[in-house]
Amino acid sequence: MTLFYVEIDPRERTIHWVRAGHDPAMLYTPDADTIEELRGKGTALGVDGGSEYQSQIIKGLFSEEL
C-alpha cells in the first residue's frame, strides 16, 4: 500500500508531507501559475519493516492575507 500524508499550516504558512511509495502530489500556485511535484523518498508501506520516512517542508507557501 502507498501513502501520501500532508499537513498544511496556514498560520505558519508551511506545508509538510511524507511519501510512502505514492506518486508525488501536485501543488498549484496560482500567483505564479506554477505546478510543483511534492517529492520525497519512501518505500511503500509494508515492503521493508526497517523503512524510515522523512518529512519534507515548504515554507512561505501562502500570502499574508490568509
C-alpha atoms as a PDB file:
ATOM      1  CA  MET A   1       0.000   0.000   0.000  1.00  0.00           C
ATOM      2  CA  THR A   2       1.208   3.520  -0.717  1.00  0.00           C
ATOM      3  CA  LEU A   3       0.552   6.652   1.292  1.00  0.00           C
ATOM      4  CA  PHE A   4       0.865  10.409   0.890  1.00  0.00           C
ATOM      5  CA  TYR A   5       0.336  12.345   4.122  1.00  0.00           C
ATOM      6  CA  VAL A   6       0.217  16.150   4.205  1.00  0.00           C
ATOM      7  CA  GLU A   7      -0.266  18.810   6.886  1.00  0.00           C
ATOM      8  CA  ILE A   8      -0.994  22.398   5.873  1.00  0.00           C
ATOM      9  CA  ASP A   9      -0.470  25.118   8.485  1.00  0.00           C
ATOM     10  CA  PRO A  10      -1.847  28.450   7.211  1.00  0.00           C
ATOM     11  CA  ARG A  11      -0.762  30.271  10.389  1.00  0.00           C
ATOM     12  CA  GLU A  12       2.902  29.268   9.908  1.00  0.00           C
ATOM     13  CA  ARG A  13       2.494  29.356   6.105  1.00  0.00           C
ATOM     14  CA  THR A  14       4.003  25.874   5.714  1.00  0.00           C
ATOM     15  CA  ILE A  15       3.166  22.556   4.151  1.00  0.00           C
ATOM     16  CA  HIS A  16       4.723  19.319   5.478  1.00  0.00           C
ATOM     17  CA  TRP A  17       4.418  15.977   3.730  1.00  0.00           C
ATOM     18  CA  VAL A  18       5.666  12.399   3.809  1.00  0.00           C
ATOM     19  CA  ARG A  19       5.605   9.950   0.905  1.00  0.00           C
ATOM     20  CA  ALA A  20       5.492   6.200   1.285  1.00  0.00           C
ATOM     21  CA  GLY A  21       5.706   4.912  -2.272  1.00  0.00           C
ATOM     22  CA  HIS A  22       2.827   7.071  -3.508  1.00  0.00           C
ATOM     23  CA  ASP A  23       3.069   9.188  -6.658  1.00  0.00           C
ATOM     24  CA  PRO A  24       4.033  12.791  -5.864  1.00  0.00           C
ATOM     25  CA  ALA A  25       1.171  15.176  -5.157  1.00  0.00           C
ATOM     26  CA  MET A  26       0.888  18.301  -7.287  1.00  0.00           C
ATOM     27  CA  LEU A  27       0.933  21.779  -5.749  1.00  0.00           C
ATOM     28  CA  TYR A  28      -0.512  24.588  -7.859  1.00  0.00           C
ATOM     29  CA  THR A  29       0.484  28.161  -7.016  1.00  0.00           C
ATOM     30  CA  PRO A  30      -1.995  30.499  -8.739  1.00  0.00           C
ATOM     31  CA  ASP A  31       0.006  33.714  -8.147  1.00  0.00           C
ATOM     32  CA  ALA A  32       2.950  32.270 -10.115  1.00  0.00           C
ATOM     33  CA  ASP A  33       0.820  29.955 -12.285  1.00  0.00           C
ATOM     34  CA  THR A  34       3.204  27.081 -11.477  1.00  0.00           C
ATOM     35  CA  ILE A  35       2.801  23.424 -10.613  1.00  0.00           C
ATOM     36  CA  GLU A  36       5.303  21.682  -8.354  1.00  0.00           C
ATOM     37  CA  GLU A  37       5.584  17.972  -7.582  1.00  0.00           C
ATOM     38  CA  LEU A  38       5.824  17.234  -3.861  1.00  0.00           C
ATOM     39  CA  ARG A  39       8.509  14.571  -3.975  1.00  0.00           C
ATOM     40  CA  GLY A  40      10.475  12.744  -1.315  1.00  0.00           C
ATOM     41  CA  LYS A  41      11.924   9.342  -0.592  1.00  0.00           C
ATOM     42  CA  GLY A  42       9.969   6.491   0.945  1.00  0.00           C
ATOM     43  CA  THR A  43       9.092   2.927   0.027  1.00  0.00           C
ATOM     44  CA  ALA A  44       5.572   1.558   0.023  1.00  0.00           C
ATOM     45  CA  LEU A  45       4.192   0.578   3.414  1.00  0.00           C
ATOM     46  CA  GLY A  46       4.947  -2.993   4.497  1.00  0.00           C
ATOM     47  CA  VAL A  47       7.684  -3.645   1.927  1.00  0.00           C
ATOM     48  CA  ASP A  48      10.538  -3.354   4.436  1.00  0.00           C
ATOM     49  CA  GLY A  49       9.972  -3.364   8.190  1.00  0.00           C
ATOM     50  CA  GLY A  50      13.039  -1.164   8.672  1.00  0.00           C
ATOM     51  CA  SER A  51      11.933   1.613   6.327  1.00  0.00           C
ATOM     52  CA  GLU A  52      12.305   5.179   7.535  1.00  0.00           C
ATOM     53  CA  TYR A  53      10.265   8.063   6.183  1.00  0.00           C
ATOM     54  CA  GLN A  54      11.355  11.694   6.039  1.00  0.00           C
ATOM     55  CA  SER A  55       9.135  14.734   6.279  1.00  0.00           C
ATOM     56  CA  GLN A  56       9.516  17.391   3.598  1.00  0.00           C
ATOM     57  CA  ILE A  57       8.582  21.054   4.054  1.00  0.00           C
ATOM     58  CA  ILE A  58       7.877  24.193   2.060  1.00  0.00           C
ATOM     59  CA  LYS A  59       7.889  27.476   3.993  1.00  0.00           C
ATOM     60  CA  GLY A  60       6.268  30.774   2.995  1.00  0.00           C
ATOM     61  CA  LEU A  61       3.611  28.976   0.994  1.00  0.00           C
ATOM     62  CA  PHE A  62       0.640  31.317   1.381  1.00  0.00           C
ATOM     63  CA  SER A  63       0.165  35.038   1.113  1.00  0.00           C
ATOM     64  CA  GLU A  64      -0.179  37.014   4.343  1.00  0.00           C
ATOM     65  CA  GLU A  65      -3.909  37.512   3.626  1.00  0.00           C
ATOM     66  CA  LEU A  66      -4.970  34.008   4.752  1.00  0.00           C
END
